[in-house]
Amino acid sequence: MTNLPQSIKKKLKSYINGLLGRKDEVGRDDQEPDSATICCGGAVHIAYRGLSDDRMYISYDRKWEEVRFFRQNSLRVFCAGCRQRIYSSEDTES
């Protein structure tokens, strides 16, 4: 999540956590961003690690709403237009 303003990073993490069914931290008053403000048009590529074979797989040209269907096992989300990493599950753990 480099080269993004801090406010966008917070909104993006909050949005992804909401999609994955996690609770936000107490005292957070950020609004959920819509897909137009998240990226270059809302289309993303989702990289995830397989559970049984521990290999990396990529699901191309997905929508933001589909991120919640992927497990948090090394989940990474990239913009489909500019290929910039916009979410990584390792960033939320630390």
Protein backbone atom coordinates (compact mmCIF):
# COMPACT_ATOMS: atom_id res chain seq x y z
CA MET A 1 0.00 0.00 0.00
CA THR A 2 2.62 2.43 -1.07
CA ASN A 3 2.22 5.82 -2.73
CA LEU A 4 -1.33 6.29 -1.42
CA PRO A 5 -2.38 9.06 0.97
CA GLN A 6 -2.88 7.94 4.57
CA SER A 7 -6.61 8.78 4.51
CA ILE A 8 -7.16 6.54 1.46
CA LYS A 9 -5.23 3.71 3.14
CA LYS A 10 -7.43 3.93 6.24
CA LYS A 11 -10.62 4.01 4.19
CA LEU A 12 -9.46 1.11 2.06
CA LYS A 13 -8.56 -1.04 5.06
CA SER A 14 -11.90 -0.23 6.65
CA TYR A 15 -13.72 -1.11 3.43
CA ILE A 16 -11.91 -4.45 3.02
CA ASN A 17 -12.45 -5.34 6.68
CA GLY A 18 -16.15 -4.59 6.22
CA LEU A 19 -16.31 -6.86 3.19
CA LEU A 20 -14.56 -9.64 5.08
CA GLY A 21 -16.90 -9.28 8.06
CA ARG A 22 -14.37 -7.93 10.51
CA LYS A 23 -15.24 -5.31 13.08
CA ASP A 24 -13.64 -1.88 12.79
CA GLU A 25 -11.65 -0.43 15.66
CA VAL A 26 -13.68 1.44 18.26
CA GLY A 27 -13.83 5.16 17.63
CA ARG A 28 -13.39 4.99 13.87
CA ASP A 29 -15.65 7.44 12.05
CA ASP A 30 -14.40 6.87 8.49
CA GLN A 31 -17.01 6.49 5.81
CA GLU A 32 -16.81 3.48 3.48
CA PRO A 33 -15.43 4.60 0.13
CA ASP A 34 -17.25 3.59 -3.01
CA SER A 35 -15.48 1.70 -5.78
CA ALA A 36 -14.97 4.87 -7.85
CA THR A 37 -12.74 6.45 -5.20
CA ILE A 38 -10.78 3.29 -4.43
CA CYS A 39 -9.07 2.70 -7.72
CA CYS A 40 -8.96 3.37 -11.44
CA GLY A 41 -12.48 2.11 -12.01
CA GLY A 42 -13.19 -0.59 -9.46
CA ALA A 43 -11.72 -3.54 -11.39
CA VAL A 44 -9.04 -5.38 -9.44
CA HIS A 45 -6.82 -8.45 -9.66
CA ILE A 46 -6.86 -10.61 -6.53
CA ALA A 47 -3.83 -12.72 -5.59
CA TYR A 48 -4.31 -15.39 -2.94
CA ARG A 49 -2.47 -18.43 -1.62
CA GLY A 50 -4.05 -21.86 -2.02
CA LEU A 51 -4.86 -23.64 1.23
CA SER A 52 -3.89 -27.18 0.25
CA ASP A 53 -0.86 -26.61 -1.98
CA ASP A 54 0.40 -23.22 -0.69
CA ARG A 55 0.76 -21.86 -4.25
CA MET A 56 -0.13 -18.32 -5.30
CA TYR A 57 -3.12 -17.92 -7.61
CA ILE A 58 -4.45 -14.81 -9.35
CA SER A 59 -8.05 -14.03 -10.18
CA TYR A 60 -8.16 -11.38 -12.90
CA ASP A 61 -10.68 -8.57 -13.52
CA ARG A 62 -12.79 -8.91 -10.39
CA LYS A 63 -14.97 -6.33 -8.67
CA TRP A 64 -14.43 -4.96 -5.17
CA GLU A 65 -17.55 -6.70 -3.93
CA GLU A 66 -15.96 -10.09 -4.72
CA VAL A 67 -13.00 -9.63 -2.35
CA ARG A 68 -15.06 -10.90 0.58
CA PHE A 69 -15.33 -14.36 -1.02
CA PHE A 70 -11.57 -14.93 -0.76
CA ARG A 71 -9.90 -16.22 2.39
CA GLN A 72 -7.35 -14.05 4.18
CA ASN A 73 -4.56 -16.50 3.37
CA SER A 74 -1.94 -14.07 1.96
CA LEU A 75 -4.62 -12.06 0.17
CA ARG A 76 -3.35 -9.22 -2.06
CA VAL A 77 -5.40 -6.89 -4.24
CA PHE A 78 -4.02 -4.95 -7.20
CA CYS A 79 -5.60 -2.29 -9.41
CA ALA A 80 -6.49 -3.76 -12.81
CA GLY A 81 -5.56 -0.54 -14.60
CA CYS A 82 -2.31 0.65 -13.04
CA ARG A 83 -1.25 -2.63 -11.31
CA GLN A 84 -0.57 -0.85 -8.02
CA ARG A 85 -0.96 -2.93 -4.86
CA ILE A 86 -3.82 -1.44 -2.90
CA TYR A 87 -4.41 -4.07 -0.22
CA SER A 88 -2.39 -6.80 1.45
CA SER A 89 -3.53 -8.99 4.33
CA GLU A 90 0.00 -8.84 5.76
CA ASP A 91 -0.39 -5.07 6.21
CA THR A 92 -3.43 -5.49 8.48
CA GLU A 93 -1.77 -8.08 10.72
CA SER A 94 1.07 -5.81 11.80
